[in-house]
Amino acid sequence: GVVPHLDDLDDYRYTGHSALLSTVPRDWQSTE
């Protein structure tokens, strides 16, 4: 319940999900 919808999760900056989608870049996360 921290974010209400999956679309909100796509841009949520406190999870690696957004880095995998390239919406919040994290150069240190092993996305590849």
PDB file of all heavy atoms in Angstrom:
ATOM      1  N   GLY A   1       0.781  -1.228   0.000  1.00  0.00           N
ATOM      2  CA  GLY A   1       0.000   0.000   0.000  1.00  0.00           C
ATOM      3  C   GLY A   1       0.817   1.285   0.000  1.00  0.00           C
ATOM      4  O   GLY A   1       0.271   2.363   0.207  1.00  0.00           O
ATOM      5  N   VAL A   2       2.123   1.197  -0.245  1.00  0.00           N
ATOM      6  CA  VAL A   2       2.960   2.394  -0.295  1.00  0.00           C
ATOM      7  C   VAL A   2       2.668   3.185  -1.568  1.00  0.00           C
ATOM      8  O   VAL A   2       2.669   4.413  -1.562  1.00  0.00           O
ATOM      9  CB  VAL A   2       4.455   2.027  -0.190  1.00  0.00           C
ATOM     10  CG1 VAL A   2       5.348   3.233  -0.371  1.00  0.00           C
ATOM     11  CG2 VAL A   2       4.732   1.340   1.145  1.00  0.00           C
ATOM     12  N   VAL A   3       2.430   2.480  -2.674  1.00  0.00           N
ATOM     13  CA  VAL A   3       1.962   3.106  -3.924  1.00  0.00           C
ATOM     14  C   VAL A   3       0.624   2.462  -4.277  1.00  0.00           C
ATOM     15  O   VAL A   3       0.413   1.271  -4.031  1.00  0.00           O
ATOM     16  CB  VAL A   3       2.973   2.957  -5.086  1.00  0.00           C
ATOM     17  CG1 VAL A   3       4.289   3.658  -4.780  1.00  0.00           C
ATOM     18  CG2 VAL A   3       3.236   1.501  -5.427  1.00  0.00           C
ATOM     19  N   PRO A   4      -0.300   3.248  -4.853  1.00  0.00           N
ATOM     20  CA  PRO A   4      -1.648   2.715  -5.066  1.00  0.00           C
ATOM     21  C   PRO A   4      -1.825   1.840  -6.313  1.00  0.00           C
ATOM     22  O   PRO A   4      -2.677   0.959  -6.321  1.00  0.00           O
ATOM     23  CB  PRO A   4      -2.519   3.970  -5.166  1.00  0.00           C
ATOM     24  CG  PRO A   4      -1.589   5.051  -5.588  1.00  0.00           C
ATOM     25  CD  PRO A   4      -0.238   4.687  -5.047  1.00  0.00           C
ATOM     26  N   HIS A   5      -1.024   2.082  -7.363  1.00  0.00           N
ATOM     27  CA  HIS A   5      -1.233   1.378  -8.631  1.00  0.00           C
ATOM     28  C   HIS A   5       0.111   1.003  -9.256  1.00  0.00           C
ATOM     29  O   HIS A   5       1.130   1.637  -8.982  1.00  0.00           O
ATOM     30  CB  HIS A   5      -2.002   2.267  -9.622  1.00  0.00           C
ATOM     31  CG  HIS A   5      -3.318   2.731  -9.093  1.00  0.00           C
ATOM     32  ND1 HIS A   5      -4.387   1.886  -8.904  1.00  0.00           N
ATOM     33  CD2 HIS A   5      -3.733   3.957  -8.690  1.00  0.00           C
ATOM     34  CE1 HIS A   5      -5.411   2.566  -8.420  1.00  0.00           C
ATOM     35  NE2 HIS A   5      -5.036   3.830  -8.267  1.00  0.00           N
ATOM     36  N   LEU A   6       0.069   0.022 -10.140  1.00  0.00           N
ATOM     37  CA  LEU A   6       1.280  -0.409 -10.830  1.00  0.00           C
ATOM     38  C   LEU A   6       1.907   0.736 -11.617  1.00  0.00           C
ATOM     39  O   LEU A   6       3.131   0.880 -11.640  1.00  0.00           O
ATOM     40  CB  LEU A   6       0.979  -1.598 -11.753  1.00  0.00           C
ATOM     41  CG  LEU A   6       2.169  -2.201 -12.493  1.00  0.00           C
ATOM     42  CD1 LEU A   6       3.245  -2.681 -11.513  1.00  0.00           C
ATOM     43  CD2 LEU A   6       1.725  -3.334 -13.386  1.00  0.00           C
ATOM     44  N   ASP A   7       1.087   1.578 -12.232  1.00  0.00           N
ATOM     45  CA  ASP A   7       1.632   2.724 -12.970  1.00  0.00           C
ATOM     46  C   ASP A   7       2.439   3.643 -12.056  1.00  0.00           C
ATOM     47  O   ASP A   7       3.434   4.223 -12.479  1.00  0.00           O
ATOM     48  CB  ASP A   7       0.517   3.510 -13.666  1.00  0.00           C
ATOM     49  CG  ASP A   7      -0.104   2.736 -14.818  1.00  0.00           C
ATOM     50  OD1 ASP A   7       0.530   1.782 -15.323  1.00  0.00           O
ATOM     51  OD2 ASP A   7      -1.229   3.080 -15.223  1.00  0.00           O
ATOM     52  N   ASP A   8       2.012   3.787 -10.810  1.00  0.00           N
ATOM     53  CA  ASP A   8       2.751   4.611  -9.843  1.00  0.00           C
ATOM     54  C   ASP A   8       4.073   3.945  -9.476  1.00  0.00           C
ATOM     55  O   ASP A   8       5.068   4.633  -9.233  1.00  0.00           O
ATOM     56  CB  ASP A   8       1.913   4.830  -8.581  1.00  0.00           C
ATOM     57  CG  ASP A   8       0.624   5.573  -8.874  1.00  0.00           C
ATOM     58  OD1 ASP A   8       0.674   6.599  -9.577  1.00  0.00           O
ATOM     59  OD2 ASP A   8      -0.435   5.108  -8.415  1.00  0.00           O
ATOM     60  N   LEU A   9       4.082   2.627  -9.430  1.00  0.00           N
ATOM     61  CA  LEU A   9       5.308   1.896  -9.125  1.00  0.00           C
ATOM     62  C   LEU A   9       6.369   2.128 -10.201  1.00  0.00           C
ATOM     63  O   LEU A   9       7.560   2.170  -9.902  1.00  0.00           O
ATOM     64  CB  LEU A   9       4.998   0.400  -8.985  1.00  0.00           C
ATOM     65  CG  LEU A   9       6.131  -0.501  -8.520  1.00  0.00           C
ATOM     66  CD1 LEU A   9       6.553  -0.163  -7.088  1.00  0.00           C
ATOM     67  CD2 LEU A   9       5.712  -1.960  -8.624  1.00  0.00           C
ATOM     68  N   ASP A  10       5.929   2.316 -11.441  1.00  0.00           N
ATOM     69  CA  ASP A  10       6.870   2.516 -12.552  1.00  0.00           C
ATOM     70  C   ASP A  10       7.785   3.712 -12.334  1.00  0.00           C
ATOM     71  O   ASP A  10       8.918   3.722 -12.815  1.00  0.00           O
ATOM     72  CB  ASP A  10       6.115   2.694 -13.873  1.00  0.00           C
ATOM     73  CG  ASP A  10       5.412   1.424 -14.328  1.00  0.00           C
ATOM     74  OD1 ASP A  10       5.666   0.340 -13.762  1.00  0.00           O
ATOM     75  OD2 ASP A  10       4.580   1.533 -15.259  1.00  0.00           O
ATOM     76  N   ASP A  11       7.301   4.728 -11.616  1.00  0.00           N
ATOM     77  CA  ASP A  11       8.078   5.947 -11.367  1.00  0.00           C
ATOM     78  C   ASP A  11       8.538   6.080  -9.919  1.00  0.00           C
ATOM     79  O   ASP A  11       9.134   7.079  -9.543  1.00  0.00           O
ATOM     80  CB  ASP A  11       7.238   7.187 -11.722  1.00  0.00           C
ATOM     81  CG  ASP A  11       6.870   7.224 -13.186  1.00  0.00           C
ATOM     82  OD1 ASP A  11       7.728   6.919 -14.027  1.00  0.00           O
ATOM     83  OD2 ASP A  11       5.702   7.556 -13.485  1.00  0.00           O
ATOM     84  N   TYR A  12       8.236   5.095  -9.101  1.00  0.00           N
ATOM     85  CA  TYR A  12       8.554   5.174  -7.670  1.00  0.00           C
ATOM     86  C   TYR A  12      10.059   5.064  -7.474  1.00  0.00           C
ATOM     87  O   TYR A  12      10.694   4.106  -7.921  1.00  0.00           O
ATOM     88  CB  TYR A  12       7.812   4.057  -6.931  1.00  0.00           C
ATOM     89  CG  TYR A  12       7.936   4.132  -5.433  1.00  0.00           C
ATOM     90  CD1 TYR A  12       7.494   5.242  -4.732  1.00  0.00           C
ATOM     91  CD2 TYR A  12       8.483   3.067  -4.725  1.00  0.00           C
ATOM     92  CE1 TYR A  12       7.599   5.299  -3.351  1.00  0.00           C
ATOM     93  CE2 TYR A  12       8.588   3.115  -3.350  1.00  0.00           C
ATOM     94  CZ  TYR A  12       8.151   4.235  -2.662  1.00  0.00           C
ATOM     95  OH  TYR A  12       8.260   4.286  -1.298  1.00  0.00           O
ATOM     96  N   ARG A  13      10.639   6.032  -6.805  1.00  0.00           N
ATOM     97  CA  ARG A  13      12.100   6.112  -6.727  1.00  0.00           C
ATOM     98  C   ARG A  13      12.726   5.270  -5.622  1.00  0.00           C
ATOM     99  O   ARG A  13      13.946   5.235  -5.492  1.00  0.00           O
ATOM    100  CB  ARG A  13      12.546   7.559  -6.632  1.00  0.00           C
ATOM    101  CG  ARG A  13      12.200   8.235  -5.350  1.00  0.00           C
ATOM    102  CD  ARG A  13      12.619   9.686  -5.407  1.00  0.00           C
ATOM    103  NE  ARG A  13      12.749  10.204  -4.073  1.00  0.00           N
ATOM    104  CZ  ARG A  13      12.399  11.408  -3.727  1.00  0.00           C
ATOM    105  NH1 ARG A  13      11.909  12.233  -4.606  1.00  0.00           N
ATOM    106  NH2 ARG A  13      12.571  11.814  -2.491  1.00  0.00           N
ATOM    107  N   TYR A  14      11.910   4.586  -4.821  1.00  0.00           N
ATOM    108  CA  TYR A  14      12.455   3.778  -3.732  1.00  0.00           C
ATOM    109  C   TYR A  14      12.331   2.288  -3.991  1.00  0.00           C
ATOM    110  O   TYR A  14      12.121   1.485  -3.078  1.00  0.00           O
ATOM    111  CB  TYR A  14      11.817   4.186  -2.399  1.00  0.00           C
ATOM    112  CG  TYR A  14      12.116   5.635  -2.080  1.00  0.00           C
ATOM    113  CD1 TYR A  14      11.095   6.574  -2.014  1.00  0.00           C
ATOM    114  CD2 TYR A  14      13.424   6.060  -1.892  1.00  0.00           C
ATOM    115  CE1 TYR A  14      11.375   7.905  -1.747  1.00  0.00           C
ATOM    116  CE2 TYR A  14      13.714   7.390  -1.637  1.00  0.00           C
ATOM    117  CZ  TYR A  14      12.682   8.306  -1.559  1.00  0.00           C
ATOM    118  OH  TYR A  14      12.968   9.624  -1.305  1.00  0.00           O
ATOM    119  N   THR A  15      12.487   1.930  -5.245  1.00  0.00           N
ATOM    120  CA  THR A  15      12.551   0.530  -5.657  1.00  0.00           C
ATOM    121  C   THR A  15      13.358   0.443  -6.941  1.00  0.00           C
ATOM    122  O   THR A  15      13.414   1.406  -7.716  1.00  0.00           O
ATOM    123  CB  THR A  15      11.137  -0.058  -5.839  1.00  0.00           C
ATOM    124  OG1 THR A  15      11.263  -1.426  -6.222  1.00  0.00           O
ATOM    125  CG2 THR A  15      10.343   0.653  -6.871  1.00  0.00           C
ATOM    126  N   GLY A  16      13.959  -0.705  -7.166  1.00  0.00           N
ATOM    127  CA  GLY A  16      14.733  -0.917  -8.377  1.00  0.00           C
ATOM    128  C   GLY A  16      13.887  -1.102  -9.618  1.00  0.00           C
ATOM    129  O   GLY A  16      14.407  -1.088 -10.733  1.00  0.00           O
ATOM    130  N   HIS A  17      12.591  -1.274  -9.465  1.00  0.00           N
ATOM    131  CA  HIS A  17      11.679  -1.435 -10.604  1.00  0.00           C
ATOM    132  C   HIS A  17      11.801  -0.244 -11.561  1.00  0.00           C
ATOM    133  O   HIS A  17      11.891  -0.429 -12.775  1.00  0.00           O
ATOM    134  CB  HIS A  17      10.248  -1.577 -10.081  1.00  0.00           C
ATOM    135  CG  HIS A  17       9.191  -1.639 -11.136  1.00  0.00           C
ATOM    136  ND1 HIS A  17       8.982  -2.765 -11.903  1.00  0.00           N
ATOM    137  CD2 HIS A  17       8.274  -0.717 -11.536  1.00  0.00           C
ATOM    138  CE1 HIS A  17       7.977  -2.529 -12.745  1.00  0.00           C
ATOM    139  NE2 HIS A  17       7.531  -1.307 -12.540  1.00  0.00           N
ATOM    140  N   SER A  18      11.825   0.962 -11.015  1.00  0.00           N
ATOM    141  CA  SER A  18      11.903   2.158 -11.854  1.00  0.00           C
ATOM    142  C   SER A  18      13.231   2.236 -12.614  1.00  0.00           C
ATOM    143  O   SER A  18      13.278   2.740 -13.741  1.00  0.00           O
ATOM    144  CB  SER A  18      11.688   3.425 -11.019  1.00  0.00           C
ATOM    145  OG  SER A  18      12.601   3.473  -9.936  1.00  0.00           O
ATOM    146  N   ALA A  19      14.296   1.715 -12.038  1.00  0.00           N
ATOM    147  CA  ALA A  19      15.581   1.690 -12.754  1.00  0.00           C
ATOM    148  C   ALA A  19      15.541   0.674 -13.892  1.00  0.00           C
ATOM    149  O   ALA A  19      16.089   0.934 -14.975  1.00  0.00           O
ATOM    150  CB  ALA A  19      16.716   1.358 -11.795  1.00  0.00           C
ATOM    151  N   LEU A  20      14.882  -0.455 -13.676  1.00  0.00           N
ATOM    152  CA  LEU A  20      14.765  -1.450 -14.749  1.00  0.00           C
ATOM    153  C   LEU A  20      13.958  -0.899 -15.924  1.00  0.00           C
ATOM    154  O   LEU A  20      14.208  -1.255 -17.073  1.00  0.00           O
ATOM    155  CB  LEU A  20      14.139  -2.740 -14.222  1.00  0.00           C
ATOM    156  CG  LEU A  20      15.068  -3.584 -13.354  1.00  0.00           C
ATOM    157  CD1 LEU A  20      14.298  -4.659 -12.618  1.00  0.00           C
ATOM    158  CD2 LEU A  20      16.176  -4.201 -14.196  1.00  0.00           C
ATOM    159  N   LEU A  21      12.995  -0.036 -15.626  1.00  0.00           N
ATOM    160  CA  LEU A  21      12.200   0.581 -16.693  1.00  0.00           C
ATOM    161  C   LEU A  21      12.840   1.853 -17.231  1.00  0.00           C
ATOM    162  O   LEU A  21      12.303   2.472 -18.149  1.00  0.00           O
ATOM    163  CB  LEU A  21      10.791   0.889 -16.178  1.00  0.00           C
ATOM    164  CG  LEU A  21       9.955  -0.332 -15.806  1.00  0.00           C
ATOM    165  CD1 LEU A  21       8.592   0.111 -15.286  1.00  0.00           C
ATOM    166  CD2 LEU A  21       9.804  -1.282 -16.977  1.00  0.00           C
ATOM    167  N   SER A  22      13.954   2.271 -16.674  1.00  0.00           N
ATOM    168  CA  SER A  22      14.686   3.493 -17.063  1.00  0.00           C
ATOM    169  C   SER A  22      13.908   4.772 -16.782  1.00  0.00           C
ATOM    170  O   SER A  22      14.155   5.792 -17.408  1.00  0.00           O
ATOM    171  CB  SER A  22      15.105   3.459 -18.537  1.00  0.00           C
ATOM    172  OG  SER A  22      16.101   2.505 -18.732  1.00  0.00           O
ATOM    173  N   THR A  23      12.976   4.740 -15.851  1.00  0.00           N
ATOM    174  CA  THR A  23      12.275   5.967 -15.479  1.00  0.00           C
ATOM    175  C   THR A  23      13.015   6.717 -14.375  1.00  0.00           C
ATOM    176  O   THR A  23      12.892   7.937 -14.274  1.00  0.00           O
ATOM    177  CB  THR A  23      10.822   5.685 -15.034  1.00  0.00           C
ATOM    178  OG1 THR A  23      10.835   4.754 -13.960  1.00  0.00           O
ATOM    179  CG2 THR A  23      10.007   5.131 -16.197  1.00  0.00           C
ATOM    180  N   VAL A  24      13.769   5.998 -13.546  1.00  0.00           N
ATOM    181  CA  VAL A  24      14.636   6.602 -12.535  1.00  0.00           C
ATOM    182  C   VAL A  24      16.002   5.949 -12.691  1.00  0.00           C
ATOM    183  O   VAL A  24      16.201   4.815 -12.241  1.00  0.00           O
ATOM    184  CB  VAL A  24      14.094   6.393 -11.106  1.00  0.00           C
ATOM    185  CG1 VAL A  24      15.035   7.017 -10.079  1.00  0.00           C
ATOM    186  CG2 VAL A  24      12.690   6.961 -10.955  1.00  0.00           C
ATOM    187  N   PRO A  25      16.935   6.608 -13.382  1.00  0.00           N
ATOM    188  CA  PRO A  25      18.241   5.982 -13.630  1.00  0.00           C
ATOM    189  C   PRO A  25      19.037   5.767 -12.337  1.00  0.00           C
ATOM    190  O   PRO A  25      19.052   6.620 -11.461  1.00  0.00           O
ATOM    191  CB  PRO A  25      18.969   6.986 -14.537  1.00  0.00           C
ATOM    192  CG  PRO A  25      17.993   8.048 -14.874  1.00  0.00           C
ATOM    193  CD  PRO A  25      16.820   7.927 -13.971  1.00  0.00           C
ATOM    194  N   ARG A  26      19.645   4.612 -12.256  1.00  0.00           N
ATOM    195  CA  ARG A  26      20.529   4.254 -11.139  1.00  0.00           C
ATOM    196  C   ARG A  26      21.753   3.583 -11.747  1.00  0.00           C
ATOM    197  O   ARG A  26      21.706   2.401 -12.090  1.00  0.00           O
ATOM    198  CB  ARG A  26      19.843   3.276 -10.184  1.00  0.00           C
ATOM    199  CG  ARG A  26      18.533   3.744  -9.616  1.00  0.00           C
ATOM    200  CD  ARG A  26      18.729   4.556  -8.378  1.00  0.00           C
ATOM    201  NE  ARG A  26      17.436   4.864  -7.773  1.00  0.00           N
ATOM    202  CZ  ARG A  26      17.238   5.891  -7.001  1.00  0.00           C
ATOM    203  NH1 ARG A  26      18.224   6.695  -6.710  1.00  0.00           N
ATOM    204  NH2 ARG A  26      16.044   6.125  -6.487  1.00  0.00           N
ATOM    205  N   ASP A  27      22.833   4.337 -11.900  1.00  0.00           N
ATOM    206  CA  ASP A  27      24.018   3.788 -12.566  1.00  0.00           C
ATOM    207  C   ASP A  27      24.658   2.644 -11.787  1.00  0.00           C
ATOM    208  O   ASP A  27      25.405   1.856 -12.340  1.00  0.00           O
ATOM    209  CB  ASP A  27      25.044   4.884 -12.855  1.00  0.00           C
ATOM    210  CG  ASP A  27      25.638   5.512 -11.599  1.00  0.00           C
ATOM    211  OD1 ASP A  27      25.120   5.273 -10.485  1.00  0.00           O
ATOM    212  OD2 ASP A  27      26.637   6.242 -11.742  1.00  0.00           O
ATOM    213  N   TRP A  28      24.352   2.519 -10.521  1.00  0.00           N
ATOM    214  CA  TRP A  28      24.930   1.478  -9.683  1.00  0.00           C
ATOM    215  C   TRP A  28      24.107   0.197  -9.678  1.00  0.00           C
ATOM    216  O   TRP A  28      24.579  -0.828  -9.207  1.00  0.00           O
ATOM    217  CB  TRP A  28      25.096   1.990  -8.250  1.00  0.00           C
ATOM    218  CG  TRP A  28      23.854   2.610  -7.677  1.00  0.00           C
ATOM    219  CD1 TRP A  28      23.527   3.945  -7.710  1.00  0.00           C
ATOM    220  CD2 TRP A  28      22.774   1.955  -7.029  1.00  0.00           C
ATOM    221  NE1 TRP A  28      22.310   4.145  -7.107  1.00  0.00           N
ATOM    222  CE2 TRP A  28      21.817   2.933  -6.674  1.00  0.00           C
ATOM    223  CE3 TRP A  28      22.514   0.623  -6.703  1.00  0.00           C
ATOM    224  CZ2 TRP A  28      20.640   2.636  -6.020  1.00  0.00           C
ATOM    225  CZ3 TRP A  28      21.327   0.312  -6.047  1.00  0.00           C
ATOM    226  CH2 TRP A  28      20.409   1.316  -5.705  1.00  0.00           C
ATOM    227  N   GLN A  29      22.881   0.232 -10.177  1.00  0.00           N
ATOM    228  CA  GLN A  29      22.035  -0.963 -10.181  1.00  0.00           C
ATOM    229  C   GLN A  29      22.358  -1.835 -11.387  1.00  0.00           C
ATOM    230  O   GLN A  29      22.530  -1.343 -12.498  1.00  0.00           O
ATOM    231  CB  GLN A  29      20.555  -0.579 -10.192  1.00  0.00           C
ATOM    232  CG  GLN A  29      19.643  -1.776 -10.033  1.00  0.00           C
ATOM    233  CD  GLN A  29      18.181  -1.392  -9.896  1.00  0.00           C
ATOM    234  OE1 GLN A  29      17.861  -0.305  -9.436  1.00  0.00           O
ATOM    235  NE2 GLN A  29      17.305  -2.290 -10.296  1.00  0.00           N
ATOM    236  N   SER A  30      22.406  -3.125 -11.185  1.00  0.00           N
ATOM    237  CA  SER A  30      22.740  -4.091 -12.241  1.00  0.00           C
ATOM    238  C   SER A  30      21.495  -4.432 -13.060  1.00  0.00           C
ATOM    239  O   SER A  30      20.962  -5.543 -12.979  1.00  0.00           O
ATOM    240  CB  SER A  30      23.351  -5.352 -11.622  1.00  0.00           C
ATOM    241  OG  SER A  30      24.521  -5.034 -10.929  1.00  0.00           O
ATOM    242  N   THR A  31      21.060  -3.478 -13.871  1.00  0.00           N
ATOM    243  CA  THR A  31      19.834  -3.665 -14.644  1.00  0.00           C
ATOM    244  C   THR A  31      20.029  -4.600 -15.829  1.00  0.00           C
ATOM    245  O   THR A  31      19.121  -5.358 -16.174  1.00  0.00           O
ATOM    246  CB  THR A  31      19.293  -2.312 -15.150  1.00  0.00           C
ATOM    247  OG1 THR A  31      20.306  -1.667 -15.922  1.00  0.00           O
ATOM    248  CG2 THR A  31      18.887  -1.413 -13.989  1.00  0.00           C
ATOM    249  N   GLU A  32      21.197  -4.555 -16.449  1.00  0.00           N
ATOM    250  CA  GLU A  32      21.418  -5.375 -17.641  1.00  0.00           C
ATOM    251  C   GLU A  32      21.274  -6.863 -17.347  1.00  0.00           C
ATOM    252  O   GLU A  32      20.724  -7.613 -18.147  1.00  0.00           O
ATOM    253  CB  GLU A  32      22.796  -5.098 -18.263  1.00  0.00           C
ATOM    254  CG  GLU A  32      22.992  -3.691 -18.756  1.00  0.00           C
ATOM    255  CD  GLU A  32      23.406  -2.718 -17.660  1.00  0.00           C
ATOM    256  OE1 GLU A  32      23.809  -3.158 -16.561  1.00  0.00           O
ATOM    257  OE2 GLU A  32      23.296  -1.497 -17.887  1.00  0.00           O
TER     258      GLU A  32
END
